[in-house]
PDB file of N, CA and C in Angstrom:
ATOM      1  N   MET A   1      14.920  12.692  18.814  1.00  0.00           N
ATOM      2  CA  MET A   1      14.689  11.548  17.821  1.00  0.00           C
ATOM      3  C   MET A   1      13.502  11.973  17.068  1.00  0.00           C
ATOM      4  N   VAL A   2      13.515  11.806  15.858  1.00  0.00           N
ATOM      5  CA  VAL A   2      12.490  12.045  14.844  1.00  0.00           C
ATOM      6  C   VAL A   2      12.092  10.711  14.247  1.00  0.00           C
ATOM      7  N   HIS A   3      10.829  10.342  14.204  1.00  0.00           N
ATOM      8  CA  HIS A   3      10.275   9.175  13.624  1.00  0.00           C
ATOM      9  C   HIS A   3       9.353   9.472  12.465  1.00  0.00           C
ATOM     10  N   SER A   4       9.544   8.893  11.429  1.00  0.00           N
ATOM     11  CA  SER A   4       8.540   8.968  10.285  1.00  0.00           C
ATOM     12  C   SER A   4       8.719   7.763   9.372  1.00  0.00           C
ATOM     13  N   GLY A   5       7.631   7.132   9.151  1.00  0.00           N
ATOM     14  CA  GLY A   5       7.666   5.952   8.187  1.00  0.00           C
ATOM     15  C   GLY A   5       7.496   6.482   6.796  1.00  0.00           C
ATOM     16  N   SER A   6       7.022   5.568   5.921  1.00  0.00           N
ATOM     17  CA  SER A   6       6.611   5.934   4.617  1.00  0.00           C
ATOM     18  C   SER A   6       5.273   6.371   4.353  1.00  0.00           C
ATOM     19  N   ARG A   7       4.672   6.658   5.501  1.00  0.00           N
ATOM     20  CA  ARG A   7       3.215   7.314   5.473  1.00  0.00           C
ATOM     21  C   ARG A   7       2.320   6.285   4.821  1.00  0.00           C
ATOM     22  N   ALA A   8       2.297   4.944   5.274  1.00  0.00           N
ATOM     23  CA  ALA A   8       1.448   3.883   4.671  1.00  0.00           C
ATOM     24  C   ALA A   8       1.787   3.457   3.302  1.00  0.00           C
ATOM     25  N   LEU A   9       2.755   4.085   2.661  1.00  0.00           N
ATOM     26  CA  LEU A   9       3.122   3.606   1.360  1.00  0.00           C
ATOM     27  C   LEU A   9       3.850   2.233   1.415  1.00  0.00           C
ATOM     28  N   GLY A  10       4.428   1.947   2.492  1.00  0.00           N
ATOM     29  CA  GLY A  10       5.100   0.556   2.690  1.00  0.00           C
ATOM     30  C   GLY A  10       4.069  -0.438   2.668  1.00  0.00           C
ATOM     31  N   GLN A  11       3.004  -0.336   3.358  1.00  0.00           N
ATOM     32  CA  GLN A  11       1.939  -1.275   3.424  1.00  0.00           C
ATOM     33  C   GLN A  11       1.243  -1.490   1.967  1.00  0.00           C
ATOM     34  N   VAL A  12       0.995  -0.310   1.325  1.00  0.00           N
ATOM     35  CA  VAL A  12       0.423  -0.456   0.060  1.00  0.00           C
ATOM     36  C   VAL A  12       1.478  -1.178  -0.956  1.00  0.00           C
ATOM     37  N   ILE A  13       2.675  -0.818  -0.877  1.00  0.00           N
ATOM     38  CA  ILE A  13       3.629  -1.575  -1.742  1.00  0.00           C
ATOM     39  C   ILE A  13       3.613  -2.979  -1.461  1.00  0.00           C
ATOM     40  N   ARG A  14       3.772  -3.381  -0.115  1.00  0.00           N
ATOM     41  CA  ARG A  14       3.705  -4.863   0.256  1.00  0.00           C
ATOM     42  C   ARG A  14       2.535  -5.536  -0.248  1.00  0.00           C
ATOM     43  N   ASP A  15       1.320  -4.930  -0.088  1.00  0.00           N
ATOM     44  CA  ASP A  15       0.098  -5.609  -0.487  1.00  0.00           C
ATOM     45  C   ASP A  15       0.022  -5.768  -2.100  1.00  0.00           C
ATOM     46  N   HIS A  16       0.590  -4.704  -2.720  1.00  0.00           N
ATOM     47  CA  HIS A  16       0.467  -4.744  -4.148  1.00  0.00           C
ATOM     48  C   HIS A  16       1.298  -5.906  -4.759  1.00  0.00           C
ATOM     49  N   HIS A  17       2.531  -6.026  -4.144  1.00  0.00           N
ATOM     50  CA  HIS A  17       3.441  -7.039  -4.674  1.00  0.00           C
ATOM     51  C   HIS A  17       3.196  -8.449  -4.114  1.00  0.00           C
ATOM     52  N   LEU A  18       2.611  -8.592  -2.887  1.00  0.00           N
ATOM     53  CA  LEU A  18       2.289  -9.696  -2.208  1.00  0.00           C
ATOM     54  C   LEU A  18       1.149 -10.343  -3.017  1.00  0.00           C
ATOM     55  N   ALA A  19       0.310  -9.567  -3.598  1.00  0.00           N
ATOM     56  CA  ALA A  19      -0.762 -10.214  -4.482  1.00  0.00           C
ATOM     57  C   ALA A  19      -0.234 -10.894  -5.671  1.00  0.00           C
ATOM     58  N   ARG A  20       0.976 -10.407  -6.074  1.00  0.00           N
ATOM     59  CA  ARG A  20       1.562 -11.103  -7.279  1.00  0.00           C
ATOM     60  C   ARG A  20       2.582 -12.214  -6.905  1.00  0.00           C
ATOM     61  N   ALA A  21       2.840 -12.367  -5.617  1.00  0.00           N
ATOM     62  CA  ALA A  21       3.714 -13.477  -5.180  1.00  0.00           C
ATOM     63  C   ALA A  21       3.241 -14.898  -5.433  1.00  0.00           C
ATOM     64  N   GLN A  22       4.076 -15.786  -5.665  1.00  0.00           N
ATOM     65  CA  GLN A  22       3.782 -17.087  -5.835  1.00  0.00           C
ATOM     66  C   GLN A  22       3.853 -18.017  -4.617  1.00  0.00           C
ATOM     67  N   PRO A  23       2.815 -18.918  -4.379  1.00  0.00           N
ATOM     68  CA  PRO A  23       2.914 -19.855  -3.244  1.00  0.00           C
ATOM     69  C   PRO A  23       4.194 -20.687  -3.086  1.00  0.00           C
ATOM     70  N   VAL A  24       4.770 -20.773  -1.896  1.00  0.00           N
ATOM     71  CA  VAL A  24       5.820 -21.660  -1.686  1.00  0.00           C
ATOM     72  C   VAL A  24       5.392 -22.645  -0.695  1.00  0.00           C
ATOM     73  N   GLU A  25       5.580 -24.002  -1.071  1.00  0.00           N
ATOM     74  CA  GLU A  25       5.056 -25.222  -0.378  1.00  0.00           C
ATOM     75  C   GLU A  25       3.637 -24.972   0.152  1.00  0.00           C
ATOM     76  N   GLY A  26       2.855 -24.446  -0.699  1.00  0.00           N
ATOM     77  CA  GLY A  26       1.429 -24.282  -0.398  1.00  0.00           C
ATOM     78  C   GLY A  26       0.942 -23.379   0.621  1.00  0.00           C
ATOM     79  N   ARG A  27       1.892 -22.567   1.269  1.00  0.00           N
ATOM     80  CA  ARG A  27       1.546 -21.775   2.288  1.00  0.00           C
ATOM     81  C   ARG A  27       2.071 -20.283   2.164  1.00  0.00           C
ATOM     82  N   LEU A  28       3.305 -20.221   2.148  1.00  0.00           N
ATOM     83  CA  LEU A  28       3.948 -18.827   2.218  1.00  0.00           C
ATOM     84  C   LEU A  28       4.038 -18.388   0.697  1.00  0.00           C
ATOM     85  N   ARG A  29       4.007 -17.120   0.558  1.00  0.00           N
ATOM     86  CA  ARG A  29       4.103 -16.502  -0.735  1.00  0.00           C
ATOM     87  C   ARG A  29       5.506 -15.862  -0.870  1.00  0.00           C
ATOM     88  N   ALA A  30       6.058 -16.007  -1.962  1.00  0.00           N
ATOM     89  CA  ALA A  30       7.467 -15.403  -2.103  1.00  0.00           C
ATOM     90  C   ALA A  30       7.568 -14.686  -3.452  1.00  0.00           C
ATOM     91  N   ILE A  31       8.554 -13.852  -3.626  1.00  0.00           N
ATOM     92  CA  ILE A  31       8.924 -13.091  -4.774  1.00  0.00           C
ATOM     93  C   ILE A  31      10.379 -13.417  -5.005  1.00  0.00           C
ATOM     94  N   ASP A  32      10.810 -14.019  -6.169  1.00  0.00           N
ATOM     95  CA  ASP A  32      12.113 -14.066  -6.446  1.00  0.00           C
ATOM     96  C   ASP A  32      12.757 -12.672  -6.872  1.00  0.00           C
ATOM     97  N   ALA A  33      13.826 -12.316  -5.909  1.00  0.00           N
ATOM     98  CA  ALA A  33      14.393 -10.940  -6.119  1.00  0.00           C
ATOM     99  C   ALA A  33      15.039 -10.723  -7.471  1.00  0.00           C
ATOM    100  N   GLU A  34      15.379 -11.839  -8.189  1.00  0.00           N
ATOM    101  CA  GLU A  34      16.046 -11.696  -9.526  1.00  0.00           C
ATOM    102  C   GLU A  34      15.006 -11.709 -10.656  1.00  0.00           C
ATOM    103  N   SER A  35      13.670 -11.785 -10.376  1.00  0.00           N
ATOM    104  CA  SER A  35      12.649 -11.824 -11.308  1.00  0.00           C
ATOM    105  C   SER A  35      12.245 -10.321 -11.558  1.00  0.00           C
ATOM    106  N   ASP A  36      11.673 -10.198 -12.666  1.00  0.00           N
ATOM    107  CA  ASP A  36      11.125  -8.729 -13.032  1.00  0.00           C
ATOM    108  C   ASP A  36      10.220  -8.221 -11.817  1.00  0.00           C
ATOM    109  N   ILE A  37       9.321  -9.146 -11.379  1.00  0.00           N
ATOM    110  CA  ILE A  37       8.509  -8.808 -10.241  1.00  0.00           C
ATOM    111  C   ILE A  37       9.259  -8.442  -9.000  1.00  0.00           C
ATOM    112  N   GLY A  38      10.199  -9.276  -8.671  1.00  0.00           N
ATOM    113  CA  GLY A  38      11.087  -9.046  -7.644  1.00  0.00           C
ATOM    114  C   GLY A  38      11.847  -7.677  -7.646  1.00  0.00           C
ATOM    115  N   LYS A  39      12.357  -7.401  -8.838  1.00  0.00           N
ATOM    116  CA  LYS A  39      13.166  -6.178  -9.163  1.00  0.00           C
ATOM    117  C   LYS A  39      12.171  -5.012  -8.921  1.00  0.00           C
ATOM    118  N   GLU A  40      11.018  -4.997  -9.267  1.00  0.00           N
ATOM    119  CA  GLU A  40       9.989  -4.045  -9.268  1.00  0.00           C
ATOM    120  C   GLU A  40       9.732  -3.850  -7.727  1.00  0.00           C
ATOM    121  N   TYR A  41       9.446  -4.939  -6.990  1.00  0.00           N
ATOM    122  CA  TYR A  41       9.225  -4.777  -5.590  1.00  0.00           C
ATOM    123  C   TYR A  41      10.449  -4.115  -4.913  1.00  0.00           C
ATOM    124  N   LEU A  42      11.588  -4.488  -5.148  1.00  0.00           N
ATOM    125  CA  LEU A  42      12.876  -3.954  -4.492  1.00  0.00           C
ATOM    126  C   LEU A  42      12.966  -2.469  -4.910  1.00  0.00           C
ATOM    127  N   HIS A  43      12.654  -2.123  -6.008  1.00  0.00           N
ATOM    128  CA  HIS A  43      12.669  -0.743  -6.518  1.00  0.00           C
ATOM    129  C   HIS A  43      11.663   0.096  -5.724  1.00  0.00           C
ATOM    130  N   ASP A  44      10.504  -0.440  -5.595  1.00  0.00           N
ATOM    131  CA  ASP A  44       9.349   0.315  -4.849  1.00  0.00           C
ATOM    132  C   ASP A  44       9.802   0.392  -3.355  1.00  0.00           C
ATOM    133  N   VAL A  45      10.238  -0.560  -2.690  1.00  0.00           N
ATOM    134  CA  VAL A  45      10.697  -0.448  -1.262  1.00  0.00           C
ATOM    135  C   VAL A  45      11.930   0.534  -1.071  1.00  0.00           C
ATOM    136  N   PHE A  46      12.798   0.510  -2.119  1.00  0.00           N
ATOM    137  CA  PHE A  46      13.899   1.452  -1.913  1.00  0.00           C
ATOM    138  C   PHE A  46      13.383   2.862  -2.034  1.00  0.00           C
ATOM    139  N   TRP A  47      12.323   3.068  -2.949  1.00  0.00           N
ATOM    140  CA  TRP A  47      11.733   4.481  -3.127  1.00  0.00           C
ATOM    141  C   TRP A  47      10.985   4.790  -1.744  1.00  0.00           C
ATOM    142  N   ALA A  48      10.281   3.873  -1.264  1.00  0.00           N
ATOM    143  CA  ALA A  48       9.571   4.125  -0.019  1.00  0.00           C
ATOM    144  C   ALA A  48      10.557   4.606   1.209  1.00  0.00           C
ATOM    145  N   ARG A  49      11.650   3.841   1.182  1.00  0.00           N
ATOM    146  CA  ARG A  49      12.700   4.192   2.223  1.00  0.00           C
ATOM    147  C   ARG A  49      13.320   5.522   2.045  1.00  0.00           C
ATOM    148  N   GLN A  50      13.578   5.908   0.797  1.00  0.00           N
ATOM    149  CA  GLN A  50      14.062   7.118   0.460  1.00  0.00           C
ATOM    150  C   GLN A  50      12.995   8.302   0.846  1.00  0.00           C
ATOM    151  N   PHE A  51      11.721   7.982   0.579  1.00  0.00           N
ATOM    152  CA  PHE A  51      10.744   8.959   0.931  1.00  0.00           C
ATOM    153  C   PHE A  51      10.708   9.142   2.424  1.00  0.00           C
ATOM    154  N   ALA A  52      10.746   8.036   3.241  1.00  0.00           N
ATOM    155  CA  ALA A  52      10.674   8.109   4.590  1.00  0.00           C
ATOM    156  C   ALA A  52      11.805   8.887   5.259  1.00  0.00           C
ATOM    157  N   ALA A  53      13.110   8.665   4.530  1.00  0.00           N
ATOM    158  CA  ALA A  53      14.364   9.427   5.034  1.00  0.00           C
ATOM    159  C   ALA A  53      14.132  10.926   4.783  1.00  0.00           C
ATOM    160  N   ALA A  54      13.623  11.211   3.649  1.00  0.00           N
ATOM    161  CA  ALA A  54      13.366  12.621   3.213  1.00  0.00           C
ATOM    162  C   ALA A  54      12.321  13.290   4.211  1.00  0.00           C
ATOM    163  N   SER A  55      11.346  12.460   4.518  1.00  0.00           N
ATOM    164  CA  SER A  55      10.387  13.054   5.563  1.00  0.00           C
ATOM    165  C   SER A  55      10.970  13.288   6.908  1.00  0.00           C
ATOM    166  N   ARG A  56      11.782  12.441   7.301  1.00  0.00           N
ATOM    167  CA  ARG A  56      12.469  12.489   8.654  1.00  0.00           C
ATOM    168  C   ARG A  56      13.403  13.786   8.592  1.00  0.00           C
ATOM    169  N   LYS A  57      14.136  13.922   7.537  1.00  0.00           N
ATOM    170  CA  LYS A  57      15.096  15.005   7.413  1.00  0.00           C
ATOM    171  C   LYS A  57      14.307  16.355   7.463  1.00  0.00           C
ATOM    172  N   ALA A  58      13.148  16.370   6.578  1.00  0.00           N
ATOM    173  CA  ALA A  58      12.449  17.670   6.625  1.00  0.00           C
ATOM    174  C   ALA A  58      11.778  17.947   8.071  1.00  0.00           C
ATOM    175  N   MET A  59      11.361  16.986   8.708  1.00  0.00           N
ATOM    176  CA  MET A  59      10.801  17.176  10.133  1.00  0.00           C
ATOM    177  C   MET A  59      11.924  17.675  10.971  1.00  0.00           C
ATOM    178  N   ALA A  60      13.020  17.068  11.031  1.00  0.00           N
ATOM    179  CA  ALA A  60      14.215  17.389  11.804  1.00  0.00           C
ATOM    180  C   ALA A  60      14.577  18.921  11.552  1.00  0.00           C
ATOM    181  N   GLU A  61      14.645  19.184  10.223  1.00  0.00           N
ATOM    182  CA  GLU A  61      14.996  20.583   9.881  1.00  0.00           C
ATOM    183  C   GLU A  61      14.058  21.590  10.352  1.00  0.00           C
ATOM    184  N   GLU A  62      12.716  21.346  10.220  1.00  0.00           N
ATOM    185  CA  GLU A  62      11.643  22.203  10.697  1.00  0.00           C
ATOM    186  C   GLU A  62      11.763  22.372  12.229  1.00  0.00           C
ATOM    187  N   THR A  63      11.983  21.173  12.997  1.00  0.00           N
ATOM    188  CA  THR A  63      12.051  21.156  14.343  1.00  0.00           C
ATOM    189  C   THR A  63      13.209  22.077  14.798  1.00  0.00           C
ATOM    190  N   GLY A  64      14.267  22.001  14.045  1.00  0.00           N
ATOM    191  CA  GLY A  64      15.500  22.916  14.351  1.00  0.00           C
ATOM    192  C   GLY A  64      15.197  24.322  14.263  1.00  0.00           C
ATOM    193  N   LYS A  65      14.470  24.704  13.260  1.00  0.00           N
ATOM    194  CA  LYS A  65      14.095  26.028  13.053  1.00  0.00           C
ATOM    195  C   LYS A  65      13.226  26.540  14.139  1.00  0.00           C
ATOM    196  N   VAL A  66      12.277  25.810  14.631  1.00  0.00           N
ATOM    197  CA  VAL A  66      11.479  26.142  15.762  1.00  0.00           C
ATOM    198  C   VAL A  66      12.285  26.342  17.001  1.00  0.00           C
ATOM    199  N   LEU A  67      13.168  25.419  17.206  1.00  0.00           N
ATOM    200  CA  LEU A  67      14.035  25.459  18.446  1.00  0.00           C
ATOM    201  C   LEU A  67      15.018  26.601  18.370  1.00  0.00           C
ATOM    202  N   ASP A  68      15.531  26.918  17.240  1.00  0.00           N
ATOM    203  CA  ASP A  68      16.485  28.122  17.230  1.00  0.00           C
ATOM    204  C   ASP A  68      15.692  29.387  17.294  1.00  0.00           C
ATOM    205  N   ALA A  69      14.488  29.325  16.884  1.00  0.00           N
ATOM    206  CA  ALA A  69      13.723  30.606  17.044  1.00  0.00           C
ATOM    207  C   ALA A  69      13.145  30.832  18.415  1.00  0.00           C
ATOM    208  N   ASN A  70      12.990  29.847  19.140  1.00  0.00           N
ATOM    209  CA  ASN A  70      12.372  29.915  20.426  1.00  0.00           C
ATOM    210  C   ASN A  70      13.138  29.635  21.775  1.00  0.00           C
ATOM    211  N   VAL A  71      14.297  29.231  21.548  1.00  0.00           N
ATOM    212  CA  VAL A  71      15.119  28.729  22.720  1.00  0.00           C
ATOM    213  C   VAL A  71      16.397  29.479  22.693  1.00  0.00           C
ATOM    214  N   GLU A  72      16.783  30.212  23.781  1.00  0.00           N
ATOM    215  CA  GLU A  72      17.990  30.801  23.930  1.00  0.00           C
ATOM    216  C   GLU A  72      18.638  30.333  25.114  1.00  0.00           C
ATOM    217  N   VAL A  73      19.797  29.766  24.982  1.00  0.00           N
ATOM    218  CA  VAL A  73      20.483  29.197  26.041  1.00  0.00           C
ATOM    219  C   VAL A  73      21.853  29.952  26.314  1.00  0.00           C
ATOM    220  N   GLN A  74      21.937  30.480  27.449  1.00  0.00           N
ATOM    221  CA  GLN A  74      23.212  31.182  27.821  1.00  0.00           C
ATOM    222  C   GLN A  74      24.070  30.226  28.573  1.00  0.00           C
ATOM    223  N   HIS A  75      25.072  29.756  27.992  1.00  0.00           N
ATOM    224  CA  HIS A  75      25.964  28.708  28.659  1.00  0.00           C
ATOM    225  C   HIS A  75      27.315  29.233  28.984  1.00  0.00           C
ATOM    226  N   GLN A  76      27.536  30.416  28.662  1.00  0.00           N
ATOM    227  CA  GLN A  76      28.888  31.009  28.978  1.00  0.00           C
ATOM    228  C   GLN A  76      28.748  32.209  29.963  1.00  0.00           C
ATOM    229  N   LEU A  77      28.096  31.893  31.053  1.00  0.00           N
ATOM    230  CA  LEU A  77      27.854  32.810  32.142  1.00  0.00           C
ATOM    231  C   LEU A  77      29.165  33.475  32.650  1.00  0.00           C
ATOM    232  N   GLY A  78      30.130  32.692  32.734  1.00  0.00           N
ATOM    233  CA  GLY A  78      31.410  33.194  33.293  1.00  0.00           C
ATOM    234  C   GLY A  78      32.080  34.271  32.370  1.00  0.00           C
ATOM    235  N   ASP A  79      31.700  34.256  31.156  1.00  0.00           N
ATOM    236  CA  ASP A  79      32.292  35.220  30.162  1.00  0.00           C
ATOM    237  C   ASP A  79      31.298  36.461  30.028  1.00  0.00           C
ATOM    238  N   ASP A  80      30.214  36.398  30.642  1.00  0.00           N
ATOM    239  CA  ASP A  80      29.207  37.616  30.540  1.00  0.00           C
ATOM    240  C   ASP A  80      29.739  38.826  31.200  1.00  0.00           C
ATOM    241  N   ASP A  81      29.769  39.992  30.456  1.00  0.00           N
ATOM    242  CA  ASP A  81      30.276  41.199  30.952  1.00  0.00           C
ATOM    243  C   ASP A  81      29.534  41.600  32.196  1.00  0.00           C
ATOM    244  N   ARG A  82      28.236  41.379  32.302  1.00  0.00           N
ATOM    245  CA  ARG A  82      27.359  41.691  33.464  1.00  0.00           C
ATOM    246  C   ARG A  82      27.883  41.124  34.665  1.00  0.00           C
ATOM    247  N   HIS A  83      28.419  39.922  34.696  1.00  0.00           N
ATOM    248  CA  HIS A  83      28.916  39.184  35.767  1.00  0.00           C
ATOM    249  C   HIS A  83      30.326  39.654  36.074  1.00  0.00           C
ATOM    250  N   ARG A  84      31.094  40.033  35.160  1.00  0.00           N
ATOM    251  CA  ARG A  84      32.421  40.664  35.441  1.00  0.00           C
ATOM    252  C   ARG A  84      32.422  41.878  36.241  1.00  0.00           C
ATOM    253  N   SER A  85      31.364  42.669  36.143  1.00  0.00           N
ATOM    254  CA  SER A  85      31.311  44.021  36.840  1.00  0.00           C
ATOM    255  C   SER A  85      30.865  43.727  38.324  1.00  0.00           C
ATOM    256  N   GLN A  86      30.254  42.554  38.604  1.00  0.00           N
ATOM    257  CA  GLN A  86      29.940  42.268  40.023  1.00  0.00           C
ATOM    258  C   GLN A  86      31.040  41.554  40.666  1.00  0.00           C
ATOM    259  N   SER A  87      30.941  41.508  42.038  1.00  0.00           N
ATOM    260  CA  SER A  87      31.995  40.881  42.623  1.00  0.00           C
ATOM    261  C   SER A  87      31.637  39.388  42.714  1.00  0.00           C
ATOM    262  N   CYS A  88      32.329  38.691  41.970  1.00  0.00           N
ATOM    263  CA  CYS A  88      32.184  37.203  41.767  1.00  0.00           C
ATOM    264  C   CYS A  88      33.416  36.508  42.060  1.00  0.00           C
ATOM    265  N   ARG A  89      34.447  37.108  42.588  1.00  0.00           N
ATOM    266  CA  ARG A  89      35.732  36.536  42.851  1.00  0.00           C
ATOM    267  C   ARG A  89      35.743  36.040  44.325  1.00  0.00           C
ATOM    268  N   ALA A  90      36.425  34.880  44.471  1.00  0.00           N
ATOM    269  CA  ALA A  90      36.519  34.214  45.908  1.00  0.00           C
ATOM    270  C   ALA A  90      37.583  34.877  46.563  1.00  0.00           C
TER     271      ALA A  90
END
């Protein structure tokens, strides 16, 4: 499993847009998704999610390269010619 978030961009995006949000019932702040501010927020969140996905993909690809270069697993021992020449029959 590979985990990577938006590398703190999510928190920055949240804080930036939350500062522009309107109070609801005097306590909570909200952004109308259909407003210009809401559309900007959703755009930025989508971008951060795409960034995080690309980061995870890059990390997985690099991990795969390291594993391919450093790990050799022989799982077909029954087909190995070295074993055929020895007495392995019951």
